Structures are given as structure tokens and as C-alpha cells.
Amino acid sequence: MLNIPKRLVEKLRWEMGDNISVVEKNNGIIELQKVADKTITKDEIVLPALQGEAGNTFASLYVGGQNMDPATFSNRLSGLTRALARMRKNRQRIQK
């Protein structure tokens, strides 16, 4: 739970329950960004990031898999498997 000043919420026209992204910049500044309305579930918000993560991992395995040592390849392959499992879980929750 994050407490955001009321005047900031009113100025940006956010509502209670909206999904906000918090990112810390290099110089210690915190950036707040509205990701989605309160009507959208967390699973729907997280799914595109999981798809991007799985896509990037697959691409790295496809392009550089032949040049990786077996331990690195196995580690990245297990990361891909975990990302795919989380995607499947999120899709199942969205469909319910």
C-alpha cells in the first residue's frame, strides 16, 4: 500500500484502487505512473511484462544458445520455463 498525497491524486485525476507503477530514477527521484484503472485485475496488468520476459529469454537462447556453456543454457531455459508457467497461471486466473 502506498500513500500518495491527496492533492496529487486530485490533480492527476486518479481514483482509489487505480494501479500505479513506482520507479526509482538514478538520482533518487521517484516516478509514479498510472498503469491501469481500478477495474483491471493485477493478472491482466502483469501478463504483458511476463510475455516480454519470456520472449527476451527465448530470443537469447535461440541466438546465443550454441555459444553458452551448459550451466548457463540450463539456467536460462529454467527461467523461460518459469516465465511460461507464470503466464499460464495468469491466463487461467483471467479466464475465471
C-alpha atoms as a PDB file:
ATOM      1  CA  MET A   1       0.000   0.000   0.000  1.00  0.00           C
ATOM      2  CA  LEU A   2       1.356   3.397  -0.934  1.00  0.00           C
ATOM      3  CA  ASN A   3       0.081   6.683   0.471  1.00  0.00           C
ATOM      4  CA  ILE A   4       0.052   9.349  -2.223  1.00  0.00           C
ATOM      5  CA  PRO A   5      -0.760  12.953  -1.251  1.00  0.00           C
ATOM      6  CA  LYS A   6      -4.424  13.794  -1.817  1.00  0.00           C
ATOM      7  CA  ARG A   7      -3.692  16.951  -3.814  1.00  0.00           C
ATOM      8  CA  LEU A   8      -1.504  14.958  -6.230  1.00  0.00           C
ATOM      9  CA  VAL A   9      -4.227  12.351  -6.687  1.00  0.00           C
ATOM     10  CA  GLU A  10      -6.812  15.058  -7.367  1.00  0.00           C
ATOM     11  CA  LYS A  11      -4.519  16.915  -9.768  1.00  0.00           C
ATOM     12  CA  LEU A  12      -3.808  13.758 -11.789  1.00  0.00           C
ATOM     13  CA  ARG A  13      -7.467  12.627 -11.546  1.00  0.00           C
ATOM     14  CA  TRP A  14      -6.589   9.232 -10.151  1.00  0.00           C
ATOM     15  CA  GLU A  15      -9.128   7.225  -8.177  1.00  0.00           C
ATOM     16  CA  MET A  16      -8.779   4.935  -5.194  1.00  0.00           C
ATOM     17  CA  GLY A  17      -7.880   1.471  -6.434  1.00  0.00           C
ATOM     18  CA  ASP A  18      -6.076   2.572  -9.614  1.00  0.00           C
ATOM     19  CA  ASN A  19      -2.921   0.614 -10.381  1.00  0.00           C
ATOM     20  CA  ILE A  20       0.206   2.742 -10.090  1.00  0.00           C
ATOM     21  CA  SER A  21       3.769   1.928 -11.127  1.00  0.00           C
ATOM     22  CA  VAL A  22       6.573   3.242  -8.894  1.00  0.00           C
ATOM     23  CA  VAL A  23      10.051   3.544 -10.412  1.00  0.00           C
ATOM     24  CA  GLU A  24      13.118   4.998  -8.691  1.00  0.00           C
ATOM     25  CA  LYS A  25      15.315   7.036 -11.015  1.00  0.00           C
ATOM     26  CA  ASN A  26      19.114   7.201 -10.778  1.00  0.00           C
ATOM     27  CA  ASN A  27      19.213  10.456  -8.857  1.00  0.00           C
ATOM     28  CA  GLY A  28      16.813   9.316  -6.117  1.00  0.00           C
ATOM     29  CA  ILE A  29      13.663  10.725  -7.721  1.00  0.00           C
ATOM     30  CA  ILE A  30      10.589   8.501  -7.594  1.00  0.00           C
ATOM     31  CA  GLU A  31       8.393   8.381 -10.695  1.00  0.00           C
ATOM     32  CA  LEU A  32       4.708   7.477 -10.313  1.00  0.00           C
ATOM     33  CA  GLN A  33       2.717   6.395 -13.341  1.00  0.00           C
ATOM     34  CA  LYS A  34      -0.854   5.179 -13.643  1.00  0.00           C
ATOM     35  CA  VAL A  35      -0.727   1.748 -15.249  1.00  0.00           C
ATOM     36  CA  ALA A  36      -4.415   0.846 -15.319  1.00  0.00           C
ATOM     37  CA  ASP A  37      -7.832   1.685 -13.920  1.00  0.00           C
ATOM     38  CA  LYS A  38      -9.193   0.020 -10.830  1.00  0.00           C
ATOM     39  CA  THR A  39     -11.429  -2.196 -12.991  1.00  0.00           C
ATOM     40  CA  ILE A  40      -8.476  -4.129 -14.443  1.00  0.00           C
ATOM     41  CA  THR A  41      -7.064  -7.035 -12.435  1.00  0.00           C
ATOM     42  CA  LYS A  42      -3.414  -7.392 -11.455  1.00  0.00           C
ATOM     43  CA  ASP A  43      -3.128 -10.508 -13.615  1.00  0.00           C
ATOM     44  CA  GLU A  44      -4.132  -8.537 -16.726  1.00  0.00           C
ATOM     45  CA  ILE A  45      -1.568  -5.862 -15.891  1.00  0.00           C
ATOM     46  CA  VAL A  46       1.318  -8.276 -15.284  1.00  0.00           C
ATOM     47  CA  LEU A  47       0.700 -10.539 -18.316  1.00  0.00           C
ATOM     48  CA  PRO A  48       2.365  -8.286 -20.978  1.00  0.00           C
ATOM     49  CA  ALA A  49       5.511  -7.969 -18.851  1.00  0.00           C
ATOM     50  CA  LEU A  50       5.660 -11.753 -18.452  1.00  0.00           C
ATOM     51  CA  GLN A  51       5.230 -12.192 -22.202  1.00  0.00           C
ATOM     52  CA  GLY A  52       8.084  -9.759 -22.828  1.00  0.00           C
ATOM     53  CA  GLU A  53      10.304 -11.547 -20.325  1.00  0.00           C
ATOM     54  CA  ALA A  54       9.595 -14.925 -21.933  1.00  0.00           C
ATOM     55  CA  GLY A  55      10.183 -13.511 -25.411  1.00  0.00           C
ATOM     56  CA  ASN A  56      13.527 -11.978 -24.446  1.00  0.00           C
ATOM     57  CA  THR A  57      14.702 -15.176 -22.759  1.00  0.00           C
ATOM     58  CA  PHE A  58      13.660 -17.277 -25.763  1.00  0.00           C
ATOM     59  CA  ALA A  59      15.451 -14.904 -28.141  1.00  0.00           C
ATOM     60  CA  SER A  60      18.674 -15.067 -26.112  1.00  0.00           C
ATOM     61  CA  LEU A  61      18.513 -18.877 -26.112  1.00  0.00           C
ATOM     62  CA  TYR A  62      17.761 -19.005 -29.833  1.00  0.00           C
ATOM     63  CA  VAL A  63      20.509 -16.604 -30.854  1.00  0.00           C
ATOM     64  CA  GLY A  64      23.286 -17.467 -28.414  1.00  0.00           C
ATOM     65  CA  GLY A  65      22.369 -20.914 -27.125  1.00  0.00           C
ATOM     66  CA  GLN A  66      25.059 -22.668 -29.111  1.00  0.00           C
ATOM     67  CA  ASN A  67      27.763 -20.469 -27.589  1.00  0.00           C
ATOM     68  CA  MET A  68      26.628 -20.852 -23.960  1.00  0.00           C
ATOM     69  CA  ASP A  69      28.151 -23.289 -21.550  1.00  0.00           C
ATOM     70  CA  PRO A  70      25.694 -25.988 -20.404  1.00  0.00           C
ATOM     71  CA  ALA A  71      25.106 -24.467 -16.949  1.00  0.00           C
ATOM     72  CA  THR A  72      24.185 -21.038 -18.347  1.00  0.00           C
ATOM     73  CA  PHE A  73      21.948 -22.583 -21.005  1.00  0.00           C
ATOM     74  CA  SER A  74      20.186 -24.719 -18.402  1.00  0.00           C
ATOM     75  CA  ASN A  75      19.717 -21.726 -16.087  1.00  0.00           C
ATOM     76  CA  ARG A  76      18.161 -19.582 -18.837  1.00  0.00           C
ATOM     77  CA  LEU A  77      15.993 -22.470 -20.008  1.00  0.00           C
ATOM     78  CA  SER A  78      14.623 -22.902 -16.487  1.00  0.00           C
ATOM     79  CA  GLY A  79      13.962 -19.142 -16.390  1.00  0.00           C
ATOM     80  CA  LEU A  80      11.969 -19.474 -19.610  1.00  0.00           C
ATOM     81  CA  THR A  81      10.015 -22.383 -18.134  1.00  0.00           C
ATOM     82  CA  ARG A  82       9.194 -20.341 -15.007  1.00  0.00           C
ATOM     83  CA  ALA A  83       8.060 -17.370 -17.105  1.00  0.00           C
ATOM     84  CA  LEU A  84       5.818 -19.607 -19.235  1.00  0.00           C
ATOM     85  CA  ALA A  85       4.314 -21.186 -16.112  1.00  0.00           C
ATOM     86  CA  ARG A  86       3.530 -17.756 -14.628  1.00  0.00           C
ATOM     87  CA  MET A  87       1.946 -16.688 -17.924  1.00  0.00           C
ATOM     88  CA  ARG A  88      -0.225 -19.807 -17.973  1.00  0.00           C
ATOM     89  CA  LYS A  89      -1.271 -19.208 -14.350  1.00  0.00           C
ATOM     90  CA  ASN A  90      -2.182 -15.582 -15.062  1.00  0.00           C
ATOM     91  CA  ARG A  91      -4.199 -16.526 -18.151  1.00  0.00           C
ATOM     92  CA  GLN A  92      -6.129 -19.117 -16.132  1.00  0.00           C
ATOM     93  CA  ARG A  93      -6.948 -16.535 -13.450  1.00  0.00           C
ATOM     94  CA  ILE A  94      -8.067 -14.016 -16.080  1.00  0.00           C
ATOM     95  CA  GLN A  95     -10.424 -16.541 -17.697  1.00  0.00           C
ATOM     96  CA  LYS A  96     -12.173 -17.379 -14.403  1.00  0.00           C
END
